């Protein structure tokens, strides 16, 4: 397999396919979470639940709409990177940084602000572990 003028070995090809699948999955997850947030549904997005626990009224609606839009754009950006590569230059780097920051905010809001160990410690630890796995995937996709 040729990639960028270089011949890729078997492991390089496997890594490229795994990276593509991971980027598509993370991009779709973020985009769908953003759509849920924009629709006002917290079922699809734990961060929205965290935001609702902090804000109320008009501030809640505005913050959730902004957060949902950022999630949606970040997801679309990651999916686009699968097909167009790093052609966005420094703009792409800024978006990547925003995506990483957004997921750190998700972890803080969903896993810490909502209450460490709630509803029970094992359920919380499972969700926290899932969020850290997603963070690792986003980190890999955005570097």
Protein backbone atom coordinates (compact mmCIF):
# COMPACT_ATOMS: atom_id res chain seq x y z
CA UNK A 1 0.00 0.00 0.00
CA UNK A 2 1.37 3.39 -0.95
CA UNK A 3 0.79 6.28 1.40
CA UNK A 4 2.28 9.72 0.79
CA UNK A 5 4.91 8.35 -1.57
CA UNK A 6 6.14 5.79 0.97
CA UNK A 7 5.44 2.09 0.97
CA UNK A 8 3.42 1.09 4.02
CA UNK A 9 3.94 -2.21 5.75
CA UNK A 10 1.19 -4.50 7.00
CA UNK A 11 1.11 -2.91 10.49
CA UNK A 12 1.03 0.60 9.04
CA UNK A 13 -2.00 -0.31 6.95
CA UNK A 14 -3.76 -1.82 9.99
CA UNK A 15 -3.00 1.31 12.02
CA UNK A 16 -4.30 3.55 9.23
CA UNK A 17 -7.57 1.59 9.06
CA UNK A 18 -7.92 1.61 12.85
CA UNK A 19 -7.28 5.37 12.92
CA UNK A 20 -9.88 5.97 10.22
CA UNK A 21 -12.51 3.91 12.05
CA UNK A 22 -11.69 5.65 15.34
CA UNK A 23 -11.90 9.12 13.77
CA UNK A 24 -15.22 8.34 12.09
CA UNK A 25 -16.68 6.91 15.31
CA UNK A 26 -15.54 9.85 17.46
CA UNK A 27 -16.68 12.40 14.87
CA UNK A 28 -20.11 10.82 14.56
CA UNK A 29 -20.47 10.53 18.34
CA UNK A 30 -19.66 14.21 18.85
CA UNK A 31 -21.92 15.33 15.99
CA UNK A 32 -24.85 13.26 17.26
CA UNK A 33 -24.30 14.47 20.84
CA UNK A 34 -24.32 18.04 19.52
CA UNK A 35 -27.59 17.43 17.68
CA UNK A 36 -29.15 16.00 20.85
CA UNK A 37 -27.95 19.01 22.83
CA UNK A 38 -29.35 21.44 20.25
CA UNK A 39 -32.69 19.62 20.44
CA UNK A 40 -32.66 20.06 24.20
CA UNK A 41 -32.43 16.35 24.92
CA UNK A 42 -30.05 15.35 27.68
CA UNK A 43 -30.45 11.62 27.04
CA UNK A 44 -27.76 11.68 24.38
CA UNK A 45 -25.27 13.87 26.17
CA UNK A 46 -24.08 13.55 29.77
CA UNK A 47 -22.46 16.98 29.62
CA UNK A 48 -25.88 18.54 29.04
CA UNK A 49 -27.05 16.97 32.30
CA UNK A 50 -24.04 18.49 34.00
CA UNK A 51 -24.77 21.89 32.46
CA UNK A 52 -28.38 21.66 33.63
CA UNK A 53 -27.17 21.03 37.17
CA UNK A 54 -25.19 24.30 37.08
CA UNK A 55 -27.40 26.65 35.06
CA UNK A 56 -31.14 27.26 34.91
CA UNK A 57 -33.56 29.37 32.92
CA UNK A 58 -32.34 31.34 29.91
CA UNK A 59 -28.68 30.89 30.80
CA UNK A 60 -29.16 27.12 30.67
CA UNK A 61 -30.68 27.29 27.18
CA UNK A 62 -27.93 29.53 25.82
CA UNK A 63 -25.06 27.55 27.33
CA UNK A 64 -26.51 24.22 26.15
CA UNK A 65 -27.09 25.61 22.63
CA UNK A 66 -23.51 26.91 22.42
CA UNK A 67 -22.13 23.66 23.81
CA UNK A 68 -24.23 21.63 21.37
CA UNK A 69 -23.07 23.73 18.44
CA UNK A 70 -19.43 23.29 19.44
CA UNK A 71 -19.91 19.52 19.80
CA UNK A 72 -21.65 19.32 16.42
CA UNK A 73 -18.96 21.38 14.65
CA UNK A 74 -16.19 19.41 16.33
CA UNK A 75 -17.74 16.14 15.18
CA UNK A 76 -18.15 17.38 11.62
CA UNK A 77 -14.56 18.65 11.65
CA UNK A 78 -13.20 15.27 12.75
CA UNK A 79 -15.20 13.44 10.08
CA UNK A 80 -14.01 15.93 7.45
CA UNK A 81 -10.40 15.34 8.49
CA UNK A 82 -10.88 11.68 7.55
CA UNK A 83 -11.45 12.70 3.95
CA UNK A 84 -9.50 15.93 3.41
CA UNK A 85 -6.61 15.42 5.83
CA UNK A 86 -4.86 18.34 7.51
CA UNK A 87 -5.57 20.92 4.82
CA UNK A 88 -7.04 23.39 7.26
CA UNK A 89 -3.66 24.43 8.67
CA UNK A 90 -3.65 26.43 11.89
CA UNK A 91 -7.46 26.67 11.83
CA UNK A 92 -7.51 22.89 12.09
CA UNK A 93 -5.12 23.02 15.04
CA UNK A 94 -7.36 25.52 16.83
CA UNK A 95 -10.45 23.37 16.22
CA UNK A 96 -8.54 20.31 17.48
CA UNK A 97 -7.64 22.14 20.68
CA UNK A 98 -11.27 23.20 21.14
CA UNK A 99 -12.42 19.59 20.69
CA UNK A 100 -10.01 18.39 23.40
CA UNK A 101 -11.06 21.19 25.76
CA UNK A 102 -14.76 20.45 25.13
CA UNK A 103 -14.31 16.83 26.14
CA UNK A 104 -12.40 17.79 29.29
CA UNK A 105 -15.39 20.02 30.12
CA UNK A 106 -17.69 17.05 29.45
CA UNK A 107 -15.72 14.90 31.88
CA UNK A 108 -15.72 17.60 34.55
CA UNK A 109 -19.44 18.35 34.18
CA UNK A 110 -20.73 14.82 33.75
CA UNK A 111 -18.46 12.94 36.10
CA UNK A 112 -17.40 15.44 38.74
CA UNK A 113 -20.03 18.19 38.96
CA UNK A 114 -22.88 15.67 38.77
CA UNK A 115 -21.34 13.95 41.77
CA UNK A 116 -18.44 11.59 42.22
CA UNK A 117 -19.70 8.14 43.06
CA UNK A 118 -23.34 8.78 42.09
CA UNK A 119 -25.65 6.87 41.71
CA UNK A 120 -23.25 4.27 43.08
CA UNK A 121 -19.49 4.09 42.90
CA UNK A 122 -19.23 1.23 40.38
CA UNK A 123 -21.72 2.82 37.97
CA UNK A 124 -19.90 6.14 38.27
CA UNK A 125 -16.51 4.48 37.76
CA UNK A 126 -17.79 2.69 34.65
CA UNK A 127 -19.07 5.95 33.14
CA UNK A 128 -15.89 7.79 34.10
CA UNK A 129 -13.81 5.05 32.45
CA UNK A 130 -15.89 5.31 29.26
CA UNK A 131 -15.43 9.08 29.22
CA UNK A 132 -11.66 8.68 29.61
CA UNK A 133 -11.59 6.16 26.75
CA UNK A 134 -13.45 8.66 24.57
CA UNK A 135 -11.04 11.39 25.68
CA UNK A 136 -8.10 9.20 24.64
CA UNK A 137 -9.74 8.58 21.26
CA UNK A 138 -10.37 12.29 20.76
CA UNK A 139 -6.77 13.05 21.76
CA UNK A 140 -5.49 10.57 19.16
CA UNK A 141 -7.82 11.95 16.49
CA UNK A 142 -6.85 15.56 17.12
CA UNK A 143 -3.09 15.39 17.42
